[in-house]
């Protein structure tokens, strides 16, 4: 076996080894927009193994995301609610990836979710002053869905959907909000997908020499 072939097998085995370690339930990269984190709960292995992961099924992620919404929910979603969460995630992924205006049918569904739970204002003391905080009338999975849709709504109303990007790694399904000044960010995470693609391009160039 040539040295080049051995290097190829070594790189492939390294990629497979990384792929065999499933990601943890809590993402290490978090967006300031709930709807982005919600959509990214289902994702593919960015190294190209074809594996699909779904954090929505994991109790630790469920509790974490509920807390991201400002809610404390210990009970997992029922089977019917789990189906509603998946349907909402599919709808939001399509809207965020396309960056297009929602249709009338989309608006009807989004408003149905928003109407299923409501918030109210509450005055609280904060040291020597006061603050007005929003609380949910029911801390349940309907509130989680409503908070997520409200996050999307703020992006839509604020004209910020054009800042939503899909990672340019063809094996990655992550989306992100591009905060770069020129709107030229390419990767969900430069240290992961950016470096991986850079290494692969360098490897391909060496093999063609």
N, C-alpha and C. Protein backbone atom coordinates (compact mmCIF):
# COMPACT_ATOMS: atom_id res chain seq x y z
N UNK A 1 0.85 -1.20 0.00
CA UNK A 1 0.00 0.00 0.00
C UNK A 1 0.88 1.24 0.00
N UNK A 2 0.54 2.20 -0.87
CA UNK A 2 1.33 3.41 -0.96
C UNK A 2 1.09 4.29 0.26
N UNK A 3 2.03 5.25 0.46
CA UNK A 3 1.90 6.18 1.58
C UNK A 3 0.64 7.02 1.42
N UNK A 4 0.37 7.38 0.16
CA UNK A 4 -0.81 8.20 -0.11
C UNK A 4 -2.08 7.44 0.25
N UNK A 5 -2.16 6.15 -0.07
CA UNK A 5 -3.33 5.35 0.25
C UNK A 5 -3.49 5.21 1.75
N UNK A 6 -2.34 5.02 2.44
CA UNK A 6 -2.41 4.91 3.89
C UNK A 6 -2.93 6.20 4.51
N UNK A 7 -2.47 7.37 3.96
CA UNK A 7 -2.96 8.64 4.48
C UNK A 7 -4.46 8.78 4.25
N UNK A 8 -4.93 8.33 3.06
CA UNK A 8 -6.35 8.41 2.76
C UNK A 8 -7.17 7.59 3.74
N UNK A 9 -6.73 6.35 4.00
CA UNK A 9 -7.46 5.48 4.92
C UNK A 9 -7.43 6.06 6.33
N UNK A 10 -6.31 6.67 6.70
CA UNK A 10 -6.20 7.26 8.04
C UNK A 10 -7.19 8.39 8.21
N UNK A 11 -7.28 9.29 7.19
CA UNK A 11 -8.21 10.41 7.26
C UNK A 11 -9.65 9.91 7.31
N UNK A 12 -9.95 8.87 6.49
CA UNK A 12 -11.30 8.35 6.47
C UNK A 12 -11.67 7.72 7.81
N UNK A 13 -10.71 6.98 8.40
CA UNK A 13 -10.99 6.37 9.70
C UNK A 13 -11.15 7.42 10.78
N UNK A 14 -10.37 8.54 10.67
CA UNK A 14 -10.52 9.63 11.63
C UNK A 14 -11.91 10.25 11.54
N UNK A 15 -12.39 10.47 10.30
CA UNK A 15 -13.72 11.02 10.11
C UNK A 15 -14.77 10.11 10.70
N UNK A 16 -14.61 8.79 10.48
CA UNK A 16 -15.58 7.83 10.99
C UNK A 16 -15.56 7.80 12.51
N UNK A 17 -14.37 7.90 13.09
CA UNK A 17 -14.27 7.88 14.55
C UNK A 17 -14.99 9.07 15.15
N UNK A 18 -14.84 10.25 14.51
CA UNK A 18 -15.54 11.41 15.01
C UNK A 18 -17.04 11.24 14.88
N UNK A 19 -17.47 10.60 13.77
CA UNK A 19 -18.88 10.41 13.51
C UNK A 19 -19.51 9.47 14.52
N UNK A 20 -18.77 8.49 14.99
CA UNK A 20 -19.33 7.48 15.89
C UNK A 20 -19.60 8.02 17.28
N UNK A 21 -19.11 9.19 17.60
CA UNK A 21 -19.38 9.79 18.90
C UNK A 21 -20.59 10.71 18.75
N UNK A 22 -21.75 10.28 19.21
CA UNK A 22 -22.95 11.12 19.03
C UNK A 22 -22.82 12.42 19.82
N UNK A 23 -23.40 13.49 19.31
CA UNK A 23 -23.34 14.77 20.02
C UNK A 23 -24.16 14.72 21.30
N UNK A 24 -23.82 15.56 22.24
CA UNK A 24 -24.56 15.63 23.50
C UNK A 24 -25.92 16.27 23.31
N UNK A 25 -26.74 16.25 24.35
CA UNK A 25 -28.11 16.79 24.22
C UNK A 25 -28.17 18.31 24.17
N UNK A 26 -27.15 18.99 24.68
CA UNK A 26 -27.17 20.45 24.73
C UNK A 26 -26.19 21.00 23.70
N UNK A 27 -26.64 21.83 22.77
CA UNK A 27 -25.71 22.39 21.76
C UNK A 27 -24.70 23.33 22.40
N UNK A 28 -23.48 23.31 21.88
CA UNK A 28 -22.46 24.23 22.40
C UNK A 28 -22.48 25.57 21.67
N UNK A 29 -23.19 25.63 20.55
CA UNK A 29 -23.37 26.89 19.83
C UNK A 29 -24.83 27.27 19.90
N UNK A 30 -25.12 28.42 20.49
CA UNK A 30 -26.50 28.83 20.73
C UNK A 30 -26.76 30.16 20.04
N UNK A 31 -27.93 30.27 19.42
CA UNK A 31 -28.33 31.50 18.75
C UNK A 31 -29.10 32.38 19.72
N UNK A 32 -29.15 33.66 19.44
CA UNK A 32 -29.98 34.55 20.25
C UNK A 32 -31.44 34.48 19.82
N UNK A 33 -31.72 33.72 18.79
CA UNK A 33 -33.08 33.58 18.27
C UNK A 33 -33.58 32.16 18.53
N UNK A 34 -34.64 32.05 19.32
CA UNK A 34 -35.17 30.75 19.71
C UNK A 34 -35.53 29.89 18.50
N UNK A 35 -36.11 30.50 17.49
CA UNK A 35 -36.56 29.72 16.34
C UNK A 35 -35.39 29.04 15.63
N UNK A 36 -34.22 29.65 15.64
CA UNK A 36 -33.03 29.05 15.01
C UNK A 36 -32.59 27.83 15.81
N UNK A 37 -32.52 27.95 17.13
CA UNK A 37 -32.14 26.81 17.96
C UNK A 37 -33.15 25.68 17.84
N UNK A 38 -34.42 26.04 17.74
CA UNK A 38 -35.48 25.04 17.63
C UNK A 38 -35.33 24.25 16.33
N UNK A 39 -35.15 24.95 15.23
CA UNK A 39 -34.98 24.27 13.93
C UNK A 39 -33.73 23.40 13.92
N UNK A 40 -32.66 23.87 14.57
CA UNK A 40 -31.40 23.14 14.58
C UNK A 40 -31.41 21.94 15.53
N UNK A 41 -32.55 21.66 16.17
CA UNK A 41 -32.61 20.49 17.04
C UNK A 41 -32.54 19.19 16.24
N UNK A 42 -32.85 19.26 14.96
CA UNK A 42 -32.67 18.10 14.08
C UNK A 42 -31.58 18.46 13.08
N UNK A 43 -30.56 17.61 13.00
CA UNK A 43 -29.42 17.96 12.14
C UNK A 43 -28.70 16.71 11.69
N UNK A 44 -27.93 16.86 10.63
CA UNK A 44 -27.13 15.76 10.10
C UNK A 44 -25.70 15.86 10.59
N UNK A 45 -25.00 14.75 10.55
CA UNK A 45 -23.58 14.73 10.90
C UNK A 45 -22.81 15.53 9.85
N UNK A 46 -22.13 16.57 10.31
CA UNK A 46 -21.46 17.49 9.36
C UNK A 46 -20.26 16.86 8.67
N UNK A 47 -19.80 15.68 9.15
CA UNK A 47 -18.64 15.05 8.50
C UNK A 47 -19.05 14.20 7.29
N UNK A 48 -20.36 14.05 7.06
CA UNK A 48 -20.80 13.35 5.85
C UNK A 48 -21.14 11.89 6.02
N UNK A 49 -21.33 11.42 7.24
CA UNK A 49 -21.66 10.01 7.45
C UNK A 49 -23.09 9.68 7.07
N UNK A 50 -23.94 10.70 6.96
CA UNK A 50 -25.34 10.47 6.67
C UNK A 50 -26.20 10.29 7.91
N UNK A 51 -25.57 10.27 9.08
CA UNK A 51 -26.34 10.13 10.32
C UNK A 51 -27.18 11.37 10.58
N UNK A 52 -28.36 11.14 11.13
CA UNK A 52 -29.27 12.21 11.49
C UNK A 52 -29.52 12.15 12.99
N UNK A 53 -29.43 13.30 13.64
CA UNK A 53 -29.65 13.38 15.08
C UNK A 53 -30.86 14.27 15.34
N UNK A 54 -31.59 13.94 16.41
CA UNK A 54 -32.77 14.73 16.76
C UNK A 54 -32.79 14.94 18.27
N UNK A 55 -32.43 16.14 18.68
CA UNK A 55 -32.41 16.47 20.11
C UNK A 55 -33.81 16.66 20.68
N UNK A 56 -34.78 16.86 19.82
CA UNK A 56 -36.15 17.05 20.29
C UNK A 56 -36.64 15.84 21.08
N UNK A 57 -36.07 14.68 20.84
CA UNK A 57 -36.46 13.47 21.55
C UNK A 57 -35.80 13.33 22.91
N UNK A 58 -34.83 14.19 23.23
CA UNK A 58 -34.01 14.03 24.43
C UNK A 58 -34.55 14.87 25.59
N UNK A 59 -34.83 14.26 26.75
CA UNK A 59 -35.35 15.02 27.90
C UNK A 59 -34.45 16.18 28.32
N UNK A 60 -33.12 15.98 28.28
CA UNK A 60 -32.22 17.07 28.67
C UNK A 60 -32.37 18.26 27.75
N UNK A 61 -32.49 18.01 26.44
CA UNK A 61 -32.68 19.12 25.50
C UNK A 61 -34.04 19.77 25.72
N UNK A 62 -35.06 18.97 25.96
CA UNK A 62 -36.39 19.51 26.19
C UNK A 62 -36.40 20.49 27.35
N UNK A 63 -35.78 20.09 28.47
CA UNK A 63 -35.74 20.98 29.63
C UNK A 63 -34.90 22.23 29.33
N UNK A 64 -33.79 22.02 28.62
CA UNK A 64 -32.91 23.15 28.28
C UNK A 64 -33.64 24.15 27.40
N UNK A 65 -34.34 23.67 26.38
CA UNK A 65 -34.99 24.60 25.46
C UNK A 65 -36.15 25.31 26.14
N UNK A 66 -36.89 24.60 26.98
CA UNK A 66 -37.96 25.25 27.73
C UNK A 66 -37.40 26.38 28.58
N UNK A 67 -36.25 26.15 29.21
CA UNK A 67 -35.60 27.20 30.00
C UNK A 67 -35.16 28.36 29.11
N UNK A 68 -34.73 28.06 27.88
CA UNK A 68 -34.37 29.14 26.94
C UNK A 68 -35.57 30.01 26.64
N UNK A 69 -36.76 29.42 26.73
CA UNK A 69 -38.00 30.17 26.50
C UNK A 69 -38.49 30.87 27.77
N UNK A 70 -37.74 30.72 28.86
CA UNK A 70 -38.14 31.32 30.12
C UNK A 70 -39.17 30.50 30.87
N UNK A 71 -39.21 29.19 30.60
CA UNK A 71 -40.21 28.32 31.19
C UNK A 71 -39.55 27.16 31.93
N UNK A 72 -40.23 26.67 32.95
CA UNK A 72 -39.77 25.50 33.68
C UNK A 72 -40.78 24.38 33.45
N UNK A 73 -40.39 23.41 32.65
CA UNK A 73 -41.28 22.30 32.31
C UNK A 73 -40.54 20.99 32.57
N UNK A 74 -41.03 20.22 33.49
CA UNK A 74 -40.39 18.96 33.84
C UNK A 74 -40.98 17.79 33.06
N UNK A 75 -42.24 17.91 32.65
CA UNK A 75 -42.90 16.82 31.96
C UNK A 75 -42.55 16.85 30.47
N UNK A 76 -42.20 15.70 29.89
CA UNK A 76 -41.93 15.68 28.44
C UNK A 76 -43.22 15.90 27.66
N UNK A 77 -43.12 16.32 26.43
CA UNK A 77 -44.33 16.50 25.63
C UNK A 77 -45.04 15.17 25.39
N UNK A 78 -46.36 15.20 25.35
CA UNK A 78 -47.11 14.00 25.02
C UNK A 78 -46.83 13.61 23.58
N UNK A 79 -47.31 12.43 23.19
CA UNK A 79 -47.09 11.98 21.82
C UNK A 79 -47.72 12.95 20.81
N UNK A 80 -48.91 13.43 21.14
CA UNK A 80 -49.58 14.38 20.24
C UNK A 80 -48.83 15.70 20.18
N UNK A 81 -48.36 16.20 21.34
CA UNK A 81 -47.61 17.45 21.37
C UNK A 81 -46.28 17.29 20.66
N UNK A 82 -45.65 16.14 20.80
CA UNK A 82 -44.38 15.89 20.10
C UNK A 82 -44.58 16.01 18.59
N UNK A 83 -45.71 15.50 18.11
CA UNK A 83 -46.02 15.60 16.68
C UNK A 83 -46.22 17.06 16.29
N UNK A 84 -46.89 17.83 17.13
CA UNK A 84 -47.10 19.26 16.84
C UNK A 84 -45.75 19.99 16.80
N UNK A 85 -44.86 19.65 17.71
CA UNK A 85 -43.53 20.28 17.74
C UNK A 85 -42.76 19.97 16.45
N UNK A 86 -42.83 18.74 16.00
CA UNK A 86 -42.15 18.36 14.75
C UNK A 86 -42.74 19.12 13.57
N UNK A 87 -44.08 19.20 13.53
CA UNK A 87 -44.73 19.93 12.42
C UNK A 87 -44.32 21.40 12.42
N UNK A 88 -44.27 22.00 13.61
CA UNK A 88 -43.87 23.40 13.69
C UNK A 88 -42.42 23.57 13.27
N UNK A 89 -41.57 22.65 13.68
CA UNK A 89 -40.16 22.72 13.29
C UNK A 89 -40.01 22.64 11.78
N UNK A 90 -40.77 21.74 11.15
CA UNK A 90 -40.71 21.62 9.69
C UNK A 90 -41.16 22.91 9.02
N UNK A 91 -42.24 23.51 9.54
CA UNK A 91 -42.75 24.75 8.97
C UNK A 91 -41.72 25.87 9.10
N UNK A 92 -41.15 26.01 10.29
CA UNK A 92 -40.18 27.09 10.51
C UNK A 92 -38.91 26.88 9.71
N UNK A 93 -38.47 25.63 9.57
CA UNK A 93 -37.27 25.38 8.76
C UNK A 93 -37.51 25.84 7.33
N UNK A 94 -38.64 25.49 6.78
CA UNK A 94 -38.93 25.91 5.41
C UNK A 94 -38.97 27.42 5.27
N UNK A 95 -39.57 28.10 6.23
CA UNK A 95 -39.67 29.56 6.17
C UNK A 95 -38.31 30.22 6.35
N UNK A 96 -37.50 29.70 7.28
CA UNK A 96 -36.20 30.30 7.54
C UNK A 96 -35.22 30.02 6.40
N UNK A 97 -35.22 28.81 5.90
CA UNK A 97 -34.28 28.48 4.81
C UNK A 97 -34.62 29.25 3.54
N UNK A 98 -35.89 29.39 3.24
CA UNK A 98 -36.29 30.10 2.01
C UNK A 98 -36.20 31.61 2.17
N UNK A 99 -36.30 32.08 3.43
CA UNK A 99 -36.29 33.53 3.73
C UNK A 99 -37.40 34.26 2.97
N UNK A 100 -38.45 33.51 2.63
CA UNK A 100 -39.57 34.11 1.89
C UNK A 100 -40.70 34.45 2.85
N UNK A 101 -41.62 35.30 2.40
CA UNK A 101 -42.76 35.66 3.23
C UNK A 101 -43.66 34.44 3.45
N UNK A 102 -44.22 34.30 4.64
CA UNK A 102 -45.15 33.19 4.87
C UNK A 102 -46.41 33.37 4.04
N UNK A 103 -46.99 32.26 3.61
CA UNK A 103 -48.25 32.31 2.88
C UNK A 103 -49.39 32.55 3.86
N UNK A 104 -50.58 32.76 3.33
CA UNK A 104 -51.75 32.92 4.19
C UNK A 104 -51.97 31.68 5.05
N UNK A 105 -51.73 30.51 4.46
CA UNK A 105 -51.89 29.26 5.22
C UNK A 105 -50.85 29.18 6.33
N UNK A 106 -49.62 29.62 6.03
CA UNK A 106 -48.57 29.64 7.06
C UNK A 106 -48.96 30.57 8.20
N UNK A 107 -49.46 31.76 7.85
CA UNK A 107 -49.85 32.73 8.88
C UNK A 107 -50.97 32.18 9.76
N UNK A 108 -51.90 31.47 9.14
CA UNK A 108 -52.99 30.87 9.92
C UNK A 108 -52.44 29.89 10.95
N UNK A 109 -51.50 29.07 10.54
CA UNK A 109 -50.91 28.09 11.47
C UNK A 109 -50.08 28.78 12.54
N UNK A 110 -49.29 29.75 12.16
CA UNK A 110 -48.46 30.46 13.13
C UNK A 110 -49.32 31.20 14.15
N UNK A 111 -50.38 31.84 13.69
CA UNK A 111 -51.27 32.55 14.60
C UNK A 111 -52.05 31.59 15.50
N UNK A 112 -52.34 30.40 15.00
CA UNK A 112 -52.99 29.39 15.84
C UNK A 112 -52.09 29.02 17.01
N UNK A 113 -50.79 28.87 16.72
CA UNK A 113 -49.84 28.54 17.79
C UNK A 113 -49.75 29.69 18.79
N UNK A 114 -49.68 30.92 18.29
CA UNK A 114 -49.58 32.08 19.17
C UNK A 114 -50.81 32.22 20.06
N UNK A 115 -51.97 31.88 19.51
CA UNK A 115 -53.22 32.03 20.27
C UNK A 115 -53.42 30.93 21.30
N UNK A 116 -52.65 29.84 21.20
CA UNK A 116 -52.83 28.71 22.11
C UNK A 116 -52.27 28.98 23.49
N UNK A 117 -51.45 30.00 23.62
CA UNK A 117 -50.87 30.36 24.91
C UNK A 117 -50.69 31.86 24.95
N UNK A 118 -50.71 32.43 26.15
CA UNK A 118 -50.62 33.89 26.24
C UNK A 118 -49.72 34.30 27.39
N UNK A 119 -49.26 35.55 27.30
CA UNK A 119 -48.40 36.14 28.32
C UNK A 119 -49.14 37.26 29.03
N UNK A 120 -48.66 37.62 30.20
CA UNK A 120 -49.17 38.78 30.90
C UNK A 120 -48.00 39.51 31.55
N UNK A 121 -48.20 40.78 31.81
CA UNK A 121 -47.14 41.60 32.40
C UNK A 121 -47.22 41.53 33.92
N UNK A 122 -46.05 41.59 34.56
CA UNK A 122 -45.97 41.46 36.01
C UNK A 122 -44.91 42.43 36.54
N UNK A 123 -45.29 43.24 37.51
CA UNK A 123 -44.35 44.18 38.11
C UNK A 123 -43.59 43.51 39.25
N UNK A 124 -42.27 43.68 39.24
CA UNK A 124 -41.44 43.08 40.28
C UNK A 124 -40.43 44.10 40.78
N UNK A 125 -39.98 43.91 42.01
CA UNK A 125 -38.92 44.73 42.56
C UNK A 125 -37.57 44.21 42.10
N UNK A 126 -36.70 45.11 41.70
CA UNK A 126 -35.33 44.76 41.32
C UNK A 126 -34.41 45.70 42.08
N UNK A 127 -33.84 45.20 43.18
CA UNK A 127 -33.01 46.00 44.07
C UNK A 127 -33.80 47.24 44.52
N UNK A 128 -33.37 48.43 44.11
CA UNK A 128 -34.05 49.65 44.55
C UNK A 128 -35.00 50.22 43.51
N UNK A 129 -35.33 49.42 42.51
CA UNK A 129 -36.23 49.91 41.47
C UNK A 129 -37.24 48.83 41.12
N UNK A 130 -37.91 48.99 39.99
CA UNK A 130 -38.94 48.05 39.57
C UNK A 130 -38.71 47.67 38.11
N UNK A 131 -39.28 46.54 37.74
CA UNK A 131 -39.19 46.08 36.35
C UNK A 131 -40.52 45.45 35.96
N UNK A 132 -40.82 45.52 34.67
CA UNK A 132 -42.03 44.92 34.13
C UNK A 132 -41.61 43.67 33.35
N UNK A 133 -42.04 42.52 33.81
CA UNK A 133 -41.65 41.26 33.18
C UNK A 133 -42.86 40.56 32.59
N UNK A 134 -42.58 39.76 31.59
CA UNK A 134 -43.65 38.99 30.95
C UNK A 134 -43.63 37.56 31.49
N UNK A 135 -44.79 37.08 31.88
CA UNK A 135 -44.94 35.72 32.37
C UNK A 135 -45.98 34.99 31.51
N UNK A 136 -45.87 33.67 31.47
CA UNK A 136 -46.81 32.86 30.71
C UNK A 136 -47.96 32.44 31.60
N UNK A 137 -49.18 32.46 31.04
CA UNK A 137 -50.35 32.02 31.81
C UNK A 137 -50.30 30.52 32.08
N UNK A 138 -49.70 29.79 31.20
CA UNK A 138 -49.54 28.35 31.40
C UNK A 138 -48.15 27.92 30.98
N UNK A 139 -47.38 27.37 31.92
CA UNK A 139 -46.03 26.93 31.57
C UNK A 139 -46.11 25.50 31.04
N UNK A 140 -46.38 25.40 29.75
CA UNK A 140 -46.50 24.09 29.12
C UNK A 140 -45.89 24.17 27.73
N UNK A 141 -46.00 23.09 26.97
CA UNK A 141 -45.36 23.04 25.67
C UNK A 141 -46.03 23.94 24.64
N UNK A 142 -47.28 24.31 24.89
CA UNK A 142 -47.92 25.30 24.02
C UNK A 142 -47.22 26.65 24.17
N UNK A 143 -46.80 26.96 25.39
CA UNK A 143 -46.06 28.21 25.60
C UNK A 143 -44.70 28.17 24.92
N UNK A 144 -44.05 27.00 24.94
CA UNK A 144 -42.77 26.84 24.23
C UNK A 144 -42.96 27.11 22.75
N UNK A 145 -43.99 26.53 22.17
CA UNK A 145 -44.26 26.74 20.75
C UNK A 145 -44.55 28.20 20.45
N UNK A 146 -45.35 28.84 21.32
CA UNK A 146 -45.69 30.25 21.10
C UNK A 146 -44.45 31.13 21.19
N UNK A 147 -43.59 30.86 22.17
CA UNK A 147 -42.35 31.65 22.30
C UNK A 147 -41.47 31.48 21.07
N UNK A 148 -41.45 30.28 20.52
CA UNK A 148 -40.63 30.02 19.34
C UNK A 148 -41.18 30.74 18.12
N UNK A 149 -42.49 30.69 17.95
CA UNK A 149 -43.12 31.41 16.83
C UNK A 149 -42.93 32.91 16.98
N UNK A 150 -43.04 33.41 18.21
CA UNK A 150 -42.83 34.85 18.44
C UNK A 150 -41.41 35.26 18.04
N UNK A 151 -40.45 34.37 18.29
CA UNK A 151 -39.06 34.64 17.89
C UNK A 151 -38.96 34.78 16.38
N UNK A 152 -39.62 33.87 15.65
CA UNK A 152 -39.64 33.98 14.19
C UNK A 152 -40.35 35.27 13.77
N UNK A 153 -41.45 35.58 14.45
CA UNK A 153 -42.21 36.78 14.11
C UNK A 153 -41.38 38.04 14.23
N UNK A 154 -40.52 38.10 15.24
CA UNK A 154 -39.67 39.29 15.40
C UNK A 154 -38.67 39.40 14.25
N UNK A 155 -38.15 38.28 13.78
CA UNK A 155 -37.26 38.32 12.62
C UNK A 155 -38.01 38.79 11.38
N UNK A 156 -39.23 38.29 11.21
CA UNK A 156 -40.04 38.65 10.04
C UNK A 156 -40.40 40.13 10.06
N UNK A 157 -40.95 40.60 11.19
CA UNK A 157 -41.39 41.99 11.30
C UNK A 157 -40.21 42.95 11.22
N UNK A 158 -39.07 42.54 11.77
CA UNK A 158 -37.89 43.40 11.76
C UNK A 158 -37.12 43.38 10.46
N UNK A 159 -37.59 42.61 9.47
CA UNK A 159 -36.91 42.54 8.18
C UNK A 159 -35.55 41.88 8.27
N UNK A 160 -35.39 40.96 9.22
CA UNK A 160 -34.09 40.34 9.45
C UNK A 160 -33.97 38.92 8.89
N UNK A 161 -34.98 38.45 8.19
CA UNK A 161 -34.90 37.09 7.65
C UNK A 161 -33.75 36.94 6.67
N UNK A 162 -33.38 38.02 6.00
CA UNK A 162 -32.29 37.94 5.04
C UNK A 162 -30.95 37.68 5.71
N UNK A 163 -30.91 37.79 7.03
CA UNK A 163 -29.69 37.49 7.78
C UNK A 163 -29.58 36.01 8.13
N UNK A 164 -30.62 35.25 7.83
CA UNK A 164 -30.58 33.81 8.09
C UNK A 164 -29.80 33.12 6.98
N UNK A 165 -28.89 32.26 7.35
CA UNK A 165 -28.05 31.55 6.39
C UNK A 165 -28.08 30.06 6.66
N UNK A 166 -27.88 29.29 5.60
CA UNK A 166 -27.64 27.85 5.72
C UNK A 166 -26.15 27.62 5.60
N UNK A 167 -25.61 26.76 6.45
CA UNK A 167 -24.18 26.47 6.40
C UNK A 167 -23.80 25.96 5.02
N UNK A 168 -22.67 26.42 4.50
CA UNK A 168 -22.24 26.03 3.15
C UNK A 168 -21.59 24.66 3.10
N UNK A 169 -21.42 24.01 4.23
CA UNK A 169 -20.99 22.61 4.22
C UNK A 169 -22.17 21.78 3.70
N UNK A 170 -22.03 21.10 2.56
CA UNK A 170 -23.17 20.37 1.99
C UNK A 170 -23.67 19.24 2.87
N UNK A 171 -22.85 18.80 3.83
CA UNK A 171 -23.26 17.73 4.74
C UNK A 171 -23.89 18.25 6.03
N UNK A 172 -23.96 19.56 6.17
CA UNK A 172 -24.47 20.18 7.41
C UNK A 172 -25.84 20.80 7.13
N UNK A 173 -26.75 20.65 8.06
CA UNK A 173 -28.09 21.23 7.90
C UNK A 173 -28.35 22.38 8.86
N UNK A 174 -27.32 22.84 9.57
CA UNK A 174 -27.50 23.93 10.51
C UNK A 174 -27.79 25.24 9.79
N UNK A 175 -28.66 26.04 10.39
CA UNK A 175 -28.87 27.40 9.93
C UNK A 175 -28.36 28.34 11.03
N UNK A 176 -28.11 29.59 10.67
CA UNK A 176 -27.61 30.54 11.66
C UNK A 176 -28.01 31.95 11.26
N UNK A 177 -27.92 32.84 12.23
CA UNK A 177 -28.18 34.26 11.99
C UNK A 177 -26.84 34.94 11.78
N UNK A 178 -26.66 35.51 10.61
CA UNK A 178 -25.38 36.12 10.24
C UNK A 178 -25.29 37.53 10.79
N UNK A 179 -24.44 37.70 11.79
CA UNK A 179 -24.25 39.01 12.41
C UNK A 179 -23.05 39.76 11.84
N UNK A 180 -22.38 39.18 10.85
CA UNK A 180 -21.21 39.85 10.29
C UNK A 180 -21.62 41.15 9.60
N UNK A 181 -20.71 42.12 9.59
CA UNK A 181 -21.05 43.44 9.07
C UNK A 181 -21.47 43.38 7.60
N UNK A 182 -20.77 42.59 6.80
CA UNK A 182 -21.06 42.53 5.37
C UNK A 182 -22.00 41.39 5.00
N UNK A 183 -22.45 40.62 5.99
CA UNK A 183 -23.34 39.51 5.70
C UNK A 183 -22.70 38.42 4.89
N UNK A 184 -21.42 38.13 5.17
CA UNK A 184 -20.67 37.17 4.35
C UNK A 184 -20.27 35.91 5.12
N UNK A 185 -20.82 35.70 6.28
CA UNK A 185 -20.47 34.50 7.03
C UNK A 185 -20.91 33.26 6.25
N UNK A 186 -20.07 32.23 6.25
CA UNK A 186 -20.34 31.06 5.41
C UNK A 186 -20.67 29.80 6.20
N UNK A 187 -20.17 29.71 7.43
CA UNK A 187 -20.28 28.45 8.16
C UNK A 187 -21.10 28.64 9.44
N UNK A 188 -21.76 27.55 9.85
CA UNK A 188 -22.44 27.60 11.13
C UNK A 188 -21.42 27.76 12.25
N UNK A 189 -20.26 27.14 12.06
CA UNK A 189 -19.16 27.25 13.00
C UNK A 189 -17.86 27.05 12.24
N UNK A 190 -17.02 28.06 12.24
CA UNK A 190 -15.79 28.01 11.45
C UNK A 190 -14.86 26.90 11.93
N UNK A 191 -14.81 26.65 13.24
CA UNK A 191 -13.91 25.64 13.79
C UNK A 191 -14.35 24.22 13.42
N UNK A 192 -15.62 24.05 13.10
CA UNK A 192 -16.12 22.72 12.74
C UNK A 192 -16.22 22.60 11.22
N UNK A 193 -17.27 23.14 10.65
CA UNK A 193 -17.48 22.99 9.21
C UNK A 193 -16.43 23.74 8.39
N UNK A 194 -16.06 24.93 8.82
CA UNK A 194 -15.07 25.69 8.06
C UNK A 194 -13.74 24.96 7.97
N UNK A 195 -13.23 24.49 9.11
CA UNK A 195 -11.97 23.76 9.12
C UNK A 195 -12.07 22.44 8.38
N UNK A 196 -13.20 21.75 8.54
CA UNK A 196 -13.37 20.46 7.87
C UNK A 196 -13.29 20.61 6.35
N UNK A 197 -13.99 21.60 5.81
CA UNK A 197 -13.96 21.81 4.36
C UNK A 197 -12.60 22.28 3.89
N UNK A 198 -11.92 23.08 4.70
CA UNK A 198 -10.59 23.55 4.35
C UNK A 198 -9.61 22.38 4.28
N UNK A 199 -9.69 21.48 5.25
CA UNK A 199 -8.81 20.30 5.26
C UNK A 199 -9.09 19.41 4.06
N UNK A 200 -10.36 19.24 3.74
CA UNK A 200 -10.71 18.38 2.60
C UNK A 200 -10.23 18.98 1.29
N UNK A 201 -10.38 20.29 1.13
CA UNK A 201 -9.88 20.92 -0.10
C UNK A 201 -8.38 20.78 -0.22
N UNK A 202 -7.67 20.98 0.89
CA UNK A 202 -6.21 20.84 0.88
C UNK A 202 -5.82 19.41 0.56
N UNK A 203 -6.54 18.45 1.12
CA UNK A 203 -6.24 17.04 0.85
C UNK A 203 -6.46 16.70 -0.61
N UNK A 204 -7.58 17.19 -1.17
CA UNK A 204 -7.87 16.92 -2.59
C UNK A 204 -6.81 17.52 -3.49
N UNK A 205 -6.33 18.71 -3.16
CA UNK A 205 -5.29 19.33 -3.98
C UNK A 205 -4.00 18.54 -3.95
N UNK A 206 -3.64 18.02 -2.77
CA UNK A 206 -2.42 17.23 -2.64
C UNK A 206 -2.53 15.94 -3.44
N UNK A 207 -3.72 15.31 -3.43
CA UNK A 207 -3.87 14.05 -4.14
C UNK A 207 -3.85 14.24 -5.65
N UNK A 208 -4.22 15.45 -6.10
CA UNK A 208 -4.20 15.71 -7.55
C UNK A 208 -2.81 16.04 -8.06
N UNK A 209 -1.90 16.36 -7.13
CA UNK A 209 -0.54 16.72 -7.55
C UNK A 209 0.25 15.49 -8.01
